[in-house]
C-alpha atoms as a PDB file:
ATOM      1  CA  MET A   1     -16.684  13.594  -2.741  1.00  0.00           C
ATOM      2  CA  SER A   2     -16.742  10.664  -5.287  1.00  0.00           C
ATOM      3  CA  THR A   3     -17.931  11.560  -8.793  1.00  0.00           C
ATOM      4  CA  ASN A   4     -19.165   8.026  -9.283  1.00  0.00           C
ATOM      5  CA  THR A   5     -22.464   7.924 -11.051  1.00  0.00           C
ATOM      6  CA  ARG A   6     -22.890   3.998 -11.066  1.00  0.00           C
ATOM      7  CA  LEU A   7     -25.309   2.704  -8.526  1.00  0.00           C
ATOM      8  CA  VAL A   8     -22.998   0.724  -6.449  1.00  0.00           C
ATOM      9  CA  ARG A   9     -24.014  -1.972  -3.776  1.00  0.00           C
ATOM     10  CA  GLY A  10     -21.452  -4.122  -1.953  1.00  0.00           C
ATOM     11  CA  ARG A  11     -21.817  -6.403   0.949  1.00  0.00           C
ATOM     12  CA  PHE A  12     -20.078  -8.350   3.946  1.00  0.00           C
ATOM     13  CA  ALA A  13     -21.139 -11.688   4.337  1.00  0.00           C
ATOM     14  CA  PRO A  14     -19.877 -13.471   7.598  1.00  0.00           C
ATOM     15  CA  THR A  15     -20.700 -17.050   8.713  1.00  0.00           C
ATOM     16  CA  PRO A  16     -21.569 -17.187  12.188  1.00  0.00           C
ATOM     17  CA  SER A  17     -19.352 -20.277  12.900  1.00  0.00           C
ATOM     18  CA  GLY A  18     -16.602 -18.726  15.043  1.00  0.00           C
ATOM     19  CA  GLU A  19     -15.598 -15.384  16.541  1.00  0.00           C
ATOM     20  CA  LEU A  20     -14.372 -12.549  13.928  1.00  0.00           C
ATOM     21  CA  HIS A  21     -10.796 -12.358  13.832  1.00  0.00           C
ATOM     22  CA  ILE A  22      -8.347  -9.767  12.328  1.00  0.00           C
ATOM     23  CA  GLY A  23      -8.575 -11.633   9.014  1.00  0.00           C
ATOM     24  CA  ASN A  24     -12.376 -11.119   8.794  1.00  0.00           C
ATOM     25  CA  ALA A  25     -11.827  -7.620  10.047  1.00  0.00           C
ATOM     26  CA  TRP A  26      -9.373  -6.980   7.215  1.00  0.00           C
ATOM     27  CA  ALA A  27     -11.985  -8.190   4.565  1.00  0.00           C
ATOM     28  CA  ALA A  28     -14.968  -6.364   6.140  1.00  0.00           C
ATOM     29  CA  LEU A  29     -13.108  -3.109   6.587  1.00  0.00           C
ATOM     30  CA  LEU A  30     -11.714  -3.022   2.800  1.00  0.00           C
ATOM     31  CA  SER A  31     -15.245  -4.177   1.620  1.00  0.00           C
ATOM     32  CA  TRP A  32     -16.796  -1.303   3.637  1.00  0.00           C
ATOM     33  CA  LEU A  33     -14.228   1.232   2.450  1.00  0.00           C
ATOM     34  CA  GLN A  34     -14.586   0.369  -1.328  1.00  0.00           C
ATOM     35  CA  ILE A  35     -18.218   0.928  -1.155  1.00  0.00           C
ATOM     36  CA  ARG A  36     -18.218   4.016   1.076  1.00  0.00           C
ATOM     37  CA  SER A  37     -15.563   5.744  -1.097  1.00  0.00           C
ATOM     38  CA  LEU A  38     -18.051   5.228  -4.091  1.00  0.00           C
ATOM     39  CA  ASP A  39     -20.959   6.662  -2.092  1.00  0.00           C
ATOM     40  CA  GLY A  40     -22.590   3.253  -2.490  1.00  0.00           C
ATOM     41  CA  THR A  41     -25.030   1.183  -0.425  1.00  0.00           C
ATOM     42  CA  PHE A  42     -23.498  -1.424   1.974  1.00  0.00           C
ATOM     43  CA  VAL A  43     -25.266  -4.638   2.879  1.00  0.00           C
ATOM     44  CA  LEU A  44     -24.565  -7.006   5.892  1.00  0.00           C
ATOM     45  CA  ARG A  45     -25.660 -10.440   5.192  1.00  0.00           C
ATOM     46  CA  MET A  46     -25.496 -13.448   7.544  1.00  0.00           C
ATOM     47  CA  GLU A  47     -24.553 -16.629   5.812  1.00  0.00           C
ATOM     48  CA  ASP A  48     -25.862 -19.280   8.209  1.00  0.00           C
ATOM     49  CA  ILE A  49     -26.998 -21.670   5.360  1.00  0.00           C
ATOM     50  CA  ASP A  50     -24.633 -24.512   6.959  1.00  0.00           C
ATOM     51  CA  THR A  51     -26.598 -25.390   9.981  1.00  0.00           C
ATOM     52  CA  GLN A  52     -23.905 -27.847  10.999  1.00  0.00           C
ATOM     53  CA  ARG A  53     -21.404 -25.055  11.410  1.00  0.00           C
ATOM     54  CA  ALA A  54     -23.470 -22.148  12.184  1.00  0.00           C
ATOM     55  CA  ARG A  55     -23.927 -21.089  15.815  1.00  0.00           C
ATOM     56  CA  PRO A  56     -26.877 -18.647  16.010  1.00  0.00           C
ATOM     57  CA  HIS A  57     -25.635 -16.824  19.411  1.00  0.00           C
ATOM     58  CA  LEU A  58     -22.473 -15.794  17.415  1.00  0.00           C
ATOM     59  CA  ALA A  59     -24.479 -13.667  15.007  1.00  0.00           C
ATOM     60  CA  SER A  60     -25.219 -10.896  17.553  1.00  0.00           C
ATOM     61  CA  GLN A  61     -21.498 -11.033  18.555  1.00  0.00           C
ATOM     62  CA  ILE A  62     -20.520 -10.424  15.024  1.00  0.00           C
ATOM     63  CA  LEU A  63     -22.669  -7.556  14.594  1.00  0.00           C
ATOM     64  CA  ASP A  64     -21.421  -6.064  17.830  1.00  0.00           C
ATOM     65  CA  ASP A  65     -17.671  -6.669  16.722  1.00  0.00           C
ATOM     66  CA  LEU A  66     -18.335  -4.874  13.365  1.00  0.00           C
ATOM     67  CA  TYR A  67     -20.178  -1.859  14.937  1.00  0.00           C
ATOM     68  CA  TRP A  68     -16.993  -1.710  17.567  1.00  0.00           C
ATOM     69  CA  LEU A  69     -14.824  -1.558  14.552  1.00  0.00           C
ATOM     70  CA  GLY A  70     -16.729   1.495  13.214  1.00  0.00           C
ATOM     71  CA  LEU A  71     -18.557   0.049  10.411  1.00  0.00           C
ATOM     72  CA  ASP A  72     -22.270   0.456   9.517  1.00  0.00           C
ATOM     73  CA  TRP A  73     -24.565  -0.851   7.066  1.00  0.00           C
ATOM     74  CA  ASP A  74     -27.638   0.377   5.136  1.00  0.00           C
ATOM     75  CA  GLU A  75     -29.361  -2.995   4.967  1.00  0.00           C
ATOM     76  CA  GLY A  76     -28.863  -5.908   7.183  1.00  0.00           C
ATOM     77  CA  PRO A  77     -30.476  -8.371   9.568  1.00  0.00           C
ATOM     78  CA  ASP A  78     -30.714  -5.687  12.396  1.00  0.00           C
ATOM     79  CA  VAL A  79     -31.855  -2.789  10.258  1.00  0.00           C
ATOM     80  CA  GLY A  80     -33.931  -4.358   7.456  1.00  0.00           C
ATOM     81  CA  GLY A  81     -34.119  -3.178   4.090  1.00  0.00           C
ATOM     82  CA  PRO A  82     -35.989  -3.730   0.775  1.00  0.00           C
ATOM     83  CA  TYR A  83     -34.334  -6.951  -0.249  1.00  0.00           C
ATOM     84  CA  GLY A  84     -34.519  -8.969   3.027  1.00  0.00           C
ATOM     85  CA  PRO A  85     -34.307 -11.245   4.772  1.00  0.00           C
ATOM     86  CA  TYR A  86     -30.637 -10.639   5.210  1.00  0.00           C
ATOM     87  CA  THR A  87     -30.114 -14.043   7.073  1.00  0.00           C
ATOM     88  CA  GLN A  88     -29.748 -17.033   4.736  1.00  0.00           C
ATOM     89  CA  SER A  89     -31.546 -19.553   6.772  1.00  0.00           C
ATOM     90  CA  GLU A  90     -34.666 -17.251   6.222  1.00  0.00           C
ATOM     91  CA  ARG A  91     -34.185 -17.464   2.446  1.00  0.00           C
ATOM     92  CA  ILE A  92     -34.809 -20.895   1.709  1.00  0.00           C
ATOM     93  CA  GLU A  93     -37.787 -20.313  -0.730  1.00  0.00           C
ATOM     94  CA  TYR A  94     -35.403 -18.335  -2.972  1.00  0.00           C
ATOM     95  CA  TYR A  95     -33.035 -21.023  -3.272  1.00  0.00           C
ATOM     96  CA  GLU A  96     -35.666 -23.506  -3.871  1.00  0.00           C
ATOM     97  CA  GLU A  97     -37.041 -21.422  -6.792  1.00  0.00           C
ATOM     98  CA  ALA A  98     -33.494 -21.242  -8.269  1.00  0.00           C
ATOM     99  CA  LEU A  99     -33.127 -25.206  -7.964  1.00  0.00           C
ATOM    100  CA  LYS A 100     -36.407 -25.756  -9.700  1.00  0.00           C
ATOM    101  CA  GLN A 101     -35.537 -23.330 -12.609  1.00  0.00           C
ATOM    102  CA  LEU A 102     -32.057 -25.214 -12.901  1.00  0.00           C
ATOM    103  CA  GLU A 103     -33.821 -28.632 -12.890  1.00  0.00           C
ATOM    104  CA  ASP A 104     -36.339 -27.319 -15.489  1.00  0.00           C
ATOM    105  CA  GLN A 105     -33.542 -26.371 -17.667  1.00  0.00           C
ATOM    106  CA  GLY A 106     -31.857 -29.770 -17.574  1.00  0.00           C
ATOM    107  CA  CYS A 107     -28.730 -28.414 -15.556  1.00  0.00           C
ATOM    108  CA  LEU A 108     -28.928 -30.871 -12.644  1.00  0.00           C
ATOM    109  CA  TYR A 109     -28.753 -34.416 -12.079  1.00  0.00           C
ATOM    110  CA  PRO A 110     -29.309 -36.744  -8.834  1.00  0.00           C
ATOM    111  CA  CYS A 111     -26.012 -37.920  -7.240  1.00  0.00           C
ATOM    112  CA  TYR A 112     -25.830 -41.050  -5.203  1.00  0.00           C
ATOM    113  CA  CYS A 113     -22.142 -41.281  -4.474  1.00  0.00           C
ATOM    114  CA  SER A 114     -21.292 -41.995  -0.829  1.00  0.00           C
ATOM    115  CA  ARG A 115     -18.725 -40.203   1.248  1.00  0.00           C
ATOM    116  CA  ALA A 116     -16.543 -43.189   0.742  1.00  0.00           C
ATOM    117  CA  ASP A 117     -16.981 -42.719  -3.223  1.00  0.00           C
ATOM    118  CA  LEU A 118     -15.994 -39.282  -2.956  1.00  0.00           C
ATOM    119  CA  LEU A 119     -12.720 -40.062  -0.851  1.00  0.00           C
ATOM    120  CA  ALA A 120     -11.803 -42.573  -3.326  1.00  0.00           C
ATOM    121  CA  ALA A 121     -12.213 -39.949  -6.049  1.00  0.00           C
ATOM    122  CA  ALA A 122      -9.736 -37.764  -4.026  1.00  0.00           C
ATOM    123  CA  ARG A 123      -6.922 -39.875  -5.462  1.00  0.00           C
ATOM    124  CA  ALA A 124      -7.565 -38.285  -8.673  1.00  0.00           C
ATOM    125  CA  PRO A 125      -6.128 -34.948  -9.532  1.00  0.00           C
ATOM    126  CA  HIS A 126      -7.427 -31.903  -7.756  1.00  0.00           C
ATOM    127  CA  GLY A 127      -9.202 -29.120  -9.582  1.00  0.00           C
ATOM    128  CA  LEU A 128     -10.498 -26.030  -7.909  1.00  0.00           C
ATOM    129  CA  SER A 129      -8.490 -26.254  -4.631  1.00  0.00           C
ATOM    130  CA  SER A 130     -11.064 -24.980  -2.158  1.00  0.00           C
ATOM    131  CA  GLU A 131     -13.760 -27.385  -3.475  1.00  0.00           C
ATOM    132  CA  GLY A 132     -11.555 -30.535  -3.099  1.00  0.00           C
ATOM    133  CA  PRO A 133     -11.036 -33.119  -5.850  1.00  0.00           C
ATOM    134  CA  ALA A 134     -12.687 -32.987  -9.215  1.00  0.00           C
ATOM    135  CA  TYR A 135     -15.916 -35.063  -9.469  1.00  0.00           C
ATOM    136  CA  PRO A 136     -15.409 -37.834 -12.018  1.00  0.00           C
ATOM    137  CA  GLY A 137     -18.935 -37.565 -13.116  1.00  0.00           C
ATOM    138  CA  THR A 138     -20.002 -41.047 -12.075  1.00  0.00           C
ATOM    139  CA  CYS A 139     -23.753 -40.317 -11.601  1.00  0.00           C
ATOM    140  CA  ARG A 140     -24.014 -38.214 -14.621  1.00  0.00           C
ATOM    141  CA  LEU A 141     -23.712 -41.365 -16.726  1.00  0.00           C
ATOM    142  CA  LEU A 142     -26.466 -43.267 -14.945  1.00  0.00           C
ATOM    143  CA  THR A 143     -29.513 -44.295 -16.959  1.00  0.00           C
ATOM    144  CA  PRO A 144     -32.861 -43.376 -15.811  1.00  0.00           C
ATOM    145  CA  ASP A 145     -33.619 -46.941 -14.597  1.00  0.00           C
ATOM    146  CA  GLU A 146     -30.248 -46.996 -12.711  1.00  0.00           C
ATOM    147  CA  ALA A 147     -31.125 -43.738 -11.157  1.00  0.00           C
ATOM    148  CA  ALA A 148     -34.495 -44.870 -10.182  1.00  0.00           C
ATOM    149  CA  CYS A 149     -33.244 -47.931  -8.518  1.00  0.00           C
ATOM    150  CA  LYS A 150     -30.597 -46.041  -6.465  1.00  0.00           C
ATOM    151  CA  SER A 151     -33.459 -43.494  -5.328  1.00  0.00           C
ATOM    152  CA  LEU A 152     -35.102 -46.405  -3.587  1.00  0.00           C
ATOM    153  CA  VAL A 153     -32.313 -46.688  -1.063  1.00  0.00           C
ATOM    154  CA  LYS A 154     -30.691 -43.448  -0.851  1.00  0.00           C
ATOM    155  CA  GLN A 155     -31.563 -39.639  -0.942  1.00  0.00           C
ATOM    156  CA  PRO A 156     -29.378 -38.115  -3.689  1.00  0.00           C
ATOM    157  CA  SER A 157     -27.663 -34.763  -3.891  1.00  0.00           C
ATOM    158  CA  LEU A 158     -28.226 -32.649  -6.784  1.00  0.00           C
ATOM    159  CA  ARG A 159     -25.084 -31.460  -9.037  1.00  0.00           C
ATOM    160  CA  PHE A 160     -24.788 -28.955 -11.464  1.00  0.00           C
ATOM    161  CA  LYS A 161     -23.706 -30.157 -15.049  1.00  0.00           C
ATOM    162  CA  VAL A 162     -20.459 -28.494 -16.023  1.00  0.00           C
ATOM    163  CA  ASP A 163     -19.232 -28.507 -19.557  1.00  0.00           C
ATOM    164  CA  HIS A 164     -15.505 -28.121 -20.719  1.00  0.00           C
ATOM    165  CA  GLU A 165     -14.838 -24.337 -21.382  1.00  0.00           C
ATOM    166  CA  LEU A 166     -12.340 -21.735 -20.440  1.00  0.00           C
ATOM    167  CA  LEU A 167     -13.727 -19.067 -18.220  1.00  0.00           C
ATOM    168  CA  SER A 168     -12.012 -15.656 -17.659  1.00  0.00           C
ATOM    169  CA  PHE A 169     -12.728 -12.748 -15.551  1.00  0.00           C
ATOM    170  CA  GLN A 170     -10.934  -9.558 -14.264  1.00  0.00           C
ATOM    171  CA  ASP A 171     -10.401  -9.563 -10.567  1.00  0.00           C
ATOM    172  CA  GLY A 172     -10.048  -5.989  -9.243  1.00  0.00           C
ATOM    173  CA  ILE A 173      -6.961  -7.142  -7.160  1.00  0.00           C
ATOM    174  CA  ALA A 174      -5.561 -10.567  -8.521  1.00  0.00           C
ATOM    175  CA  GLY A 175      -5.817  -9.383 -12.050  1.00  0.00           C
ATOM    176  CA  ARG A 176      -6.858 -11.463 -15.229  1.00  0.00           C
ATOM    177  CA  GLN A 177      -8.055 -14.893 -14.073  1.00  0.00           C
ATOM    178  CA  GLN A 178      -8.640 -17.933 -16.347  1.00  0.00           C
ATOM    179  CA  PHE A 179      -9.971 -21.290 -15.157  1.00  0.00           C
ATOM    180  CA  ASP A 180     -10.781 -24.654 -17.077  1.00  0.00           C
ATOM    181  CA  THR A 181     -14.285 -25.327 -15.823  1.00  0.00           C
ATOM    182  CA  ALA A 182     -13.671 -29.151 -16.342  1.00  0.00           C
ATOM    183  CA  SER A 183     -10.872 -29.088 -13.720  1.00  0.00           C
ATOM    184  CA  GLY A 184     -13.462 -28.817 -10.889  1.00  0.00           C
ATOM    185  CA  GLY A 185     -16.005 -31.248 -12.275  1.00  0.00           C
ATOM    186  CA  ASP A 186     -19.860 -31.276 -11.579  1.00  0.00           C
ATOM    187  CA  PHE A 187     -20.583 -29.630  -8.405  1.00  0.00           C
ATOM    188  CA  ILE A 188     -23.183 -29.962  -5.688  1.00  0.00           C
ATOM    189  CA  VAL A 189     -25.881 -27.347  -5.301  1.00  0.00           C
ATOM    190  CA  ARG A 190     -27.942 -29.425  -2.701  1.00  0.00           C
ATOM    191  CA  ARG A 191     -26.687 -31.903  -0.422  1.00  0.00           C
ATOM    192  CA  ALA A 192     -28.541 -35.261   0.094  1.00  0.00           C
ATOM    193  CA  ASP A 193     -29.714 -33.764   3.577  1.00  0.00           C
ATOM    194  CA  GLY A 194     -31.381 -30.930   1.864  1.00  0.00           C
ATOM    195  CA  MET A 195     -28.858 -28.246   2.436  1.00  0.00           C
ATOM    196  CA  ILE A 196     -28.386 -25.791  -0.256  1.00  0.00           C
ATOM    197  CA  SER A 197     -24.721 -25.294  -1.230  1.00  0.00           C
ATOM    198  CA  TYR A 198     -22.860 -22.038  -0.475  1.00  0.00           C
ATOM    199  CA  GLN A 199     -22.213 -21.590  -4.285  1.00  0.00           C
ATOM    200  CA  LEU A 200     -25.977 -21.487  -5.208  1.00  0.00           C
ATOM    201  CA  ALA A 201     -26.935 -19.451  -2.065  1.00  0.00           C
ATOM    202  CA  VAL A 202     -24.328 -16.706  -2.568  1.00  0.00           C
ATOM    203  CA  VAL A 203     -25.242 -16.333  -6.247  1.00  0.00           C
ATOM    204  CA  VAL A 204     -28.979 -16.171  -5.501  1.00  0.00           C
ATOM    205  CA  ASP A 205     -28.479 -13.766  -2.605  1.00  0.00           C
ATOM    206  CA  ASP A 206     -26.082 -11.402  -4.377  1.00  0.00           C
ATOM    207  CA  ASP A 207     -28.600 -11.038  -7.465  1.00  0.00           C
ATOM    208  CA  HIS A 208     -31.751 -10.694  -5.251  1.00  0.00           C
ATOM    209  CA  MET A 209     -29.865  -7.957  -3.336  1.00  0.00           C
ATOM    210  CA  HIS A 210     -28.560  -6.348  -6.489  1.00  0.00           C
ATOM    211  CA  ILE A 211     -25.011  -6.575  -5.386  1.00  0.00           C
ATOM    212  CA  THR A 212     -22.770  -4.959  -8.046  1.00  0.00           C
ATOM    213  CA  ASP A 213     -19.269  -5.371  -6.199  1.00  0.00           C
ATOM    214  CA  VAL A 214     -17.861  -8.163  -4.033  1.00  0.00           C
ATOM    215  CA  LEU A 215     -14.595  -7.657  -2.233  1.00  0.00           C
ATOM    216  CA  ARG A 216     -13.829 -10.829  -0.136  1.00  0.00           C
ATOM    217  CA  GLY A 217     -10.713 -13.170   0.918  1.00  0.00           C
ATOM    218  CA  ALA A 218      -8.626 -14.829  -1.866  1.00  0.00           C
ATOM    219  CA  ASP A 219      -9.585 -18.216  -0.387  1.00  0.00           C
ATOM    220  CA  LEU A 220     -12.855 -17.807  -2.394  1.00  0.00           C
ATOM    221  CA  LEU A 221     -11.262 -16.782  -5.736  1.00  0.00           C
ATOM    222  CA  ASP A 222     -11.540 -20.283  -7.228  1.00  0.00           C
ATOM    223  CA  SER A 223     -15.367 -20.254  -6.315  1.00  0.00           C
ATOM    224  CA  VAL A 224     -15.822 -17.679  -9.077  1.00  0.00           C
ATOM    225  CA  PRO A 225     -16.021 -19.743 -12.132  1.00  0.00           C
ATOM    226  CA  ARG A 226     -18.843 -22.039 -10.470  1.00  0.00           C
ATOM    227  CA  GLN A 227     -20.636 -18.960  -9.472  1.00  0.00           C
ATOM    228  CA  LEU A 228     -20.279 -17.349 -13.018  1.00  0.00           C
ATOM    229  CA  MET A 229     -21.725 -20.579 -14.361  1.00  0.00           C
ATOM    230  CA  LEU A 230     -24.746 -20.476 -12.146  1.00  0.00           C
ATOM    231  CA  TYR A 231     -25.271 -16.687 -12.814  1.00  0.00           C
ATOM    232  CA  ARG A 232     -25.236 -17.556 -16.427  1.00  0.00           C
ATOM    233  CA  ALA A 233     -27.518 -20.635 -16.257  1.00  0.00           C
ATOM    234  CA  LEU A 234     -29.879 -18.563 -13.955  1.00  0.00           C
ATOM    235  CA  GLY A 235     -29.974 -15.482 -16.448  1.00  0.00           C
ATOM    236  CA  MET A 236     -28.514 -13.184 -13.572  1.00  0.00           C
ATOM    237  CA  HIS A 237     -25.758 -10.546 -13.951  1.00  0.00           C
ATOM    238  CA  ALA A 238     -22.462 -11.475 -11.913  1.00  0.00           C
ATOM    239  CA  PRO A 239     -21.070  -8.617  -9.938  1.00  0.00           C
ATOM    240  CA  ALA A 240     -17.478  -7.317 -10.167  1.00  0.00           C
ATOM    241  CA  PHE A 241     -14.947  -9.307  -8.122  1.00  0.00           C
ATOM    242  CA  ALA A 242     -12.126  -8.229  -5.931  1.00  0.00           C
ATOM    243  CA  HIS A 243      -9.982 -10.774  -3.808  1.00  0.00           C
ATOM    244  CA  VAL A 244      -7.967  -9.566  -0.991  1.00  0.00           C
ATOM    245  CA  PRO A 245      -4.879 -11.583  -0.013  1.00  0.00           C
ATOM    246  CA  LEU A 246      -5.074 -13.690   3.135  1.00  0.00           C
ATOM    247  CA  PHE A 247      -3.329 -13.185   6.398  1.00  0.00           C
ATOM    248  CA  MET A 248      -0.648 -15.986   7.097  1.00  0.00           C
ATOM    249  CA  GLY A 249       0.904 -16.663  10.450  1.00  0.00           C
ATOM    250  CA  PRO A 250       4.566 -17.099  11.256  1.00  0.00           C
ATOM    251  CA  ASP A 251       4.292 -20.741  10.490  1.00  0.00           C
ATOM    252  CA  GLY A 252       3.102 -19.984   6.916  1.00  0.00           C
ATOM    253  CA  LYS A 253      -0.428 -21.173   7.593  1.00  0.00           C
ATOM    254  CA  ARG A 254      -3.558 -18.987   7.232  1.00  0.00           C
ATOM    255  CA  LEU A 255      -3.977 -16.938  10.354  1.00  0.00           C
ATOM    256  CA  ALA A 256      -6.333 -18.789  12.740  1.00  0.00           C
ATOM    257  CA  LYS A 257      -7.314 -19.181  16.270  1.00  0.00           C
ATOM    258  CA  ARG A 258      -4.201 -21.352  17.010  1.00  0.00           C
ATOM    259  CA  HIS A 259      -2.106 -18.180  16.504  1.00  0.00           C
ATOM    260  CA  GLY A 260      -3.785 -16.671  19.599  1.00  0.00           C
ATOM    261  CA  GLY A 261      -5.052 -13.162  20.477  1.00  0.00           C
ATOM    262  CA  THR A 262      -6.375 -12.579  16.986  1.00  0.00           C
ATOM    263  CA  SER A 263     -10.002 -12.727  17.557  1.00  0.00           C
ATOM    264  CA  LEU A 264     -11.823  -9.293  17.856  1.00  0.00           C
ATOM    265  CA  ALA A 265     -13.119 -10.409  21.161  1.00  0.00           C
ATOM    266  CA  ALA A 266      -9.856 -11.126  22.424  1.00  0.00           C
ATOM    267  CA  LEU A 267      -8.387  -7.789  21.268  1.00  0.00           C
ATOM    268  CA  ARG A 268     -11.491  -5.975  23.042  1.00  0.00           C
ATOM    269  CA  GLU A 269     -10.901  -7.807  26.202  1.00  0.00           C
ATOM    270  CA  MET A 270      -7.188  -6.800  26.031  1.00  0.00           C
ATOM    271  CA  GLY A 271      -8.279  -3.046  25.921  1.00  0.00           C
ATOM    272  CA  THR A 272      -7.268  -2.599  22.294  1.00  0.00           C
ATOM    273  CA  ALA A 273      -9.087   0.462  20.679  1.00  0.00           C
ATOM    274  CA  PRO A 274     -10.999   0.185  17.516  1.00  0.00           C
ATOM    275  CA  GLU A 275      -8.949   3.104  16.082  1.00  0.00           C
ATOM    276  CA  GLN A 276      -5.863   1.064  16.880  1.00  0.00           C
ATOM    277  CA  LEU A 277      -6.912  -1.905  14.934  1.00  0.00           C
ATOM    278  CA  VAL A 278      -8.184   0.100  11.894  1.00  0.00           C
ATOM    279  CA  GLY A 279      -5.070   2.049  11.828  1.00  0.00           C
ATOM    280  CA  TRP A 280      -2.867  -1.210  11.791  1.00  0.00           C
ATOM    281  CA  LEU A 281      -5.051  -2.677   9.157  1.00  0.00           C
ATOM    282  CA  MET A 282      -4.582   0.399   6.963  1.00  0.00           C
ATOM    283  CA  TRP A 283      -1.123   0.147   7.587  1.00  0.00           C
ATOM    284  CA  ILE A 284      -0.716  -3.549   6.659  1.00  0.00           C
ATOM    285  CA  ALA A 285      -2.685  -2.739   3.468  1.00  0.00           C
ATOM    286  CA  GLY A 286      -0.232  -0.095   2.537  1.00  0.00           C
ATOM    287  CA  LEU A 287      -2.611   2.493   2.303  1.00  0.00           C
ATOM    288  CA  THR A 288      -0.774   4.577   5.117  1.00  0.00           C
ATOM    289  CA  GLU A 289       2.858   4.924   5.429  1.00  0.00           C
ATOM    290  CA  GLU A 290       2.878   5.278   9.109  1.00  0.00           C
ATOM    291  CA  LEU A 291       1.054   3.296  11.796  1.00  0.00           C
ATOM    292  CA  VAL A 292      -1.390   5.676  13.288  1.00  0.00           C
ATOM    293  CA  PRO A 293      -4.738   5.248  15.055  1.00  0.00           C
ATOM    294  CA  LEU A 294      -7.615   5.886  12.586  1.00  0.00           C
ATOM    295  CA  THR A 295     -11.383   5.588  12.675  1.00  0.00           C
ATOM    296  CA  ALA A 296     -12.876   3.798   9.741  1.00  0.00           C
ATOM    297  CA  LYS A 297     -14.548   6.909   8.514  1.00  0.00           C
ATOM    298  CA  GLU A 298     -11.137   8.751   8.446  1.00  0.00           C
ATOM    299  CA  CYS A 299     -10.093   5.855   6.046  1.00  0.00           C
ATOM    300  CA  ILE A 300     -12.644   6.299   3.458  1.00  0.00           C
ATOM    301  CA  PRO A 301     -10.778   9.112   1.413  1.00  0.00           C
ATOM    302  CA  LEU A 302      -7.455   7.024   1.797  1.00  0.00           C
ATOM    303  CA  PHE A 303      -8.920   3.900   0.159  1.00  0.00           C
ATOM    304  CA  ASP A 304      -7.343   3.053  -3.303  1.00  0.00           C
ATOM    305  CA  MET A 305      -7.968  -0.514  -4.756  1.00  0.00           C
ATOM    306  CA  ASP A 306      -4.868  -0.081  -6.955  1.00  0.00           C
ATOM    307  CA  LYS A 307      -2.462   0.123  -3.680  1.00  0.00           C
ATOM    308  CA  LEU A 308      -3.712  -3.032  -2.199  1.00  0.00           C
ATOM    309  CA  PRO A 309      -1.215  -6.064  -2.141  1.00  0.00           C
ATOM    310  CA  SER A 310      -2.127  -9.131  -4.338  1.00  0.00           C
ATOM    311  CA  GLU A 311       0.169 -11.557  -2.443  1.00  0.00           C
ATOM    312  CA  SER A 312      -0.634 -13.412   0.843  1.00  0.00           C
ATOM    313  CA  ILE A 313       0.455 -11.035   3.949  1.00  0.00           C
ATOM    314  CA  LEU A 314       2.698 -12.691   6.460  1.00  0.00           C
ATOM    315  CA  ILE A 315       1.793 -11.423   9.928  1.00  0.00           C
ATOM    316  CA  THR A 316       4.885 -11.955  12.035  1.00  0.00           C
ATOM    317  CA  ASP A 317       4.987 -11.739  15.546  1.00  0.00           C
ATOM    318  CA  GLU A 318       6.615  -8.127  15.303  1.00  0.00           C
ATOM    319  CA  LYS A 319       3.672  -6.993  13.240  1.00  0.00           C
ATOM    320  CA  LEU A 320       1.289  -8.299  15.939  1.00  0.00           C
ATOM    321  CA  SER A 321       3.175  -6.544  18.610  1.00  0.00           C
ATOM    322  CA  ARG A 322       2.671  -3.371  16.705  1.00  0.00           C
ATOM    323  CA  LEU A 323      -0.963  -3.920  16.818  1.00  0.00           C
ATOM    324  CA  HIS A 324      -1.069  -4.520  20.702  1.00  0.00           C
ATOM    325  CA  GLY A 325       1.283  -1.321  21.003  1.00  0.00           C
ATOM    326  CA  SER A 326       4.320  -3.058  22.350  1.00  0.00           C
END
């Protein structure tokens, strides 16, 4: 039994844009184990804010796959809870409130740059890799008259003003991190079509849902500086972060559908037992020495953040064959 006295709340927040694969299962299982090992509250949130990518019918499949894996949650789209809704498309009012607060504080400005303008800016040095090239600040320098003139012919996006500073934080897996905020430039919090950015939505959601601990994939590590700036501007407390390494295919690229047979739906169709996948994930994580079938609940006492790898994990054909029992 954990002796933890801190009120711990964690979450897994999938995007219903594709089927869950073993990389998603890896992040979901470890996030769940972290919170369950601390006797905390686990939240499931459906991040469907990007309507161009989200496919509503996949949300129910994601829930089914996670239940099949042996995971459960105390709050979520299907079970409710005190801090719902737990689906982003139903939380727009909260994001609009945050936008108004940021606007009132003078943290935002309208941006009229076209896609062609941004592509031209891509020739500049890249900053935060997952966010593309650093924005050069073109529209930040517009006079009120210039902005008013542009607004007559184009709906603007809204960008958050970034000042030059060094932001540092301690990641539970990757260790001490330091970022130059200027390297990413001013970033979008609302697109011209009205869609709220991931960065703003996730900050508002994690604060409203009282999330204390976020364990997620390392592809989101360089999102932290922008999220920390938003937490600070909105007067919110940031959670503790831990970013687990990504699964890489034999070709050295991030594991994806092109590598075949890695979706949970495909594994289930092949007759793979959930205990087989869970045991394999624990073995890959270095939390067990031998590859043995395990239920998710059996893994709770085995979880140790300090033992998790910090470098990307190469999933070879041999490792995949061990998963398939061959």
